[in-house]
């Protein structure tokens, strides 16, 4: 995993009962619990892939583009440039499962 976590959660939020995540989805993936946000900065070009749930992703503004908000669903991915920072949180109260891998050249 080529990212640096810069934050871990939002202030207290009422958490719903987490959805069961099948072992096949968890294997090689990370869980993001409902009510939590995570800030990641890519150490190298990377790909964020959503395996379960939906996530709200905010990309930081750069010299070449404005800040951007996206909602990603299971099976969707997002290329993250080296040095780019994103903040993501589950879209709903079920949490999400994602993987973060080095981009293939």
Protein backbone atom coordinates (compact mmCIF):
# COMPACT_ATOMS: atom_id res chain seq x y z
CA UNK A 1 0.00 0.00 0.00
CA UNK A 2 1.55 3.28 -1.04
CA UNK A 3 -0.40 5.85 0.96
CA UNK A 4 -0.07 7.78 4.18
CA UNK A 5 -3.13 8.06 6.43
CA UNK A 6 -3.43 11.63 7.70
CA UNK A 7 -6.70 11.38 9.67
CA UNK A 8 -8.88 8.65 11.06
CA UNK A 9 -12.42 9.74 11.88
CA UNK A 10 -15.11 12.37 12.03
CA UNK A 11 -16.46 13.62 15.35
CA UNK A 12 -18.86 11.23 17.00
CA UNK A 13 -21.56 10.06 14.64
CA UNK A 14 -24.29 7.58 15.48
CA UNK A 15 -23.16 4.30 13.96
CA UNK A 16 -25.60 1.85 12.44
CA UNK A 17 -24.96 -1.85 12.75
CA UNK A 18 -22.17 -2.65 10.25
CA UNK A 19 -23.08 -4.84 7.31
CA UNK A 20 -21.48 -8.26 7.19
CA UNK A 21 -18.58 -8.28 4.76
CA UNK A 22 -17.93 -11.64 3.08
CA UNK A 23 -14.35 -12.96 3.56
CA UNK A 24 -13.72 -12.91 -0.21
CA UNK A 25 -14.40 -9.16 -0.26
CA UNK A 26 -12.18 -8.51 2.78
CA UNK A 27 -9.17 -10.43 1.46
CA UNK A 28 -6.54 -7.88 0.40
CA UNK A 29 -8.83 -4.98 1.26
CA UNK A 30 -9.40 -2.38 3.96
CA UNK A 31 -12.63 -1.64 5.80
CA UNK A 32 -13.87 1.93 6.28
CA UNK A 33 -16.53 2.03 8.98
CA UNK A 34 -19.66 4.16 8.77
CA UNK A 35 -19.21 7.58 10.34
CA UNK A 36 -15.45 7.62 9.71
CA UNK A 37 -13.42 9.54 7.16
CA UNK A 38 -9.88 8.83 6.04
CA UNK A 39 -7.32 11.09 4.42
CA UNK A 40 -4.73 9.38 2.22
CA UNK A 41 -1.77 10.81 0.30
CA UNK A 42 -0.32 8.63 -2.46
CA UNK A 43 3.41 8.03 -2.10
CA UNK A 44 3.42 6.79 -5.70
CA UNK A 45 0.83 6.53 -8.50
CA UNK A 46 -1.97 4.36 -7.09
CA UNK A 47 -5.45 3.03 -7.76
CA UNK A 48 -8.33 3.14 -5.27
CA UNK A 49 -10.84 0.33 -5.94
CA UNK A 50 -14.20 0.04 -4.20
CA UNK A 51 -15.14 -3.54 -3.35
CA UNK A 52 -18.27 -3.08 -1.25
CA UNK A 53 -20.44 -0.10 -0.34
CA UNK A 54 -20.17 3.36 -1.80
CA UNK A 55 -17.68 6.07 -0.84
CA UNK A 56 -17.62 9.80 -1.16
CA UNK A 57 -14.15 10.90 -2.29
CA UNK A 58 -12.85 14.47 -2.29
CA UNK A 59 -9.67 15.18 -4.24
CA UNK A 60 -7.55 18.13 -3.15
CA UNK A 61 -7.15 21.02 -5.55
CA UNK A 62 -3.87 21.13 -7.47
CA UNK A 63 -2.12 23.74 -9.59
CA UNK A 64 -3.87 22.16 -12.61
CA UNK A 65 -7.36 21.34 -11.30
CA UNK A 66 -9.97 22.37 -8.75
CA UNK A 67 -11.05 20.22 -5.82
CA UNK A 68 -13.39 17.45 -6.93
CA UNK A 69 -16.09 15.38 -5.17
CA UNK A 70 -16.94 11.92 -6.48
CA UNK A 71 -19.11 9.01 -5.35
CA UNK A 72 -17.68 5.60 -6.21
CA UNK A 73 -19.68 2.36 -6.19
CA UNK A 74 -18.52 -1.27 -5.97
CA UNK A 75 -16.34 -2.19 -8.94
CA UNK A 76 -15.36 1.40 -9.68
CA UNK A 77 -11.83 2.70 -9.34
CA UNK A 78 -9.98 6.00 -9.23
CA UNK A 79 -6.40 6.69 -10.34
CA UNK A 80 -4.48 8.73 -7.77
CA UNK A 81 -1.32 10.58 -8.84
CA UNK A 82 1.85 10.45 -6.74
CA UNK A 83 1.64 13.11 -4.03
CA UNK A 84 -2.13 13.60 -4.49
CA UNK A 85 -4.30 13.62 -1.35
CA UNK A 86 -7.87 12.38 -1.10
CA UNK A 87 -10.39 12.25 1.72
CA UNK A 88 -12.96 9.47 1.64
CA UNK A 89 -15.86 8.37 3.77
CA UNK A 90 -18.70 5.88 3.35
CA UNK A 91 -21.67 7.30 1.47
CA UNK A 92 -24.19 5.63 3.79
CA UNK A 93 -24.41 3.90 7.17
CA UNK A 94 -23.11 0.52 5.93
CA UNK A 95 -19.42 1.33 5.65
CA UNK A 96 -17.26 0.35 2.70
CA UNK A 97 -14.46 -1.98 1.69
CA UNK A 98 -11.69 -0.80 -0.62
CA UNK A 99 -8.23 -1.67 -1.90
CA UNK A 100 -5.34 0.68 -2.60
CA UNK A 101 -2.74 -0.66 -5.01
CA UNK A 102 0.22 0.64 -6.97
CA UNK A 103 -0.79 1.75 -10.46
CA UNK A 104 0.33 -0.57 -13.24
CA UNK A 105 2.69 1.18 -15.63
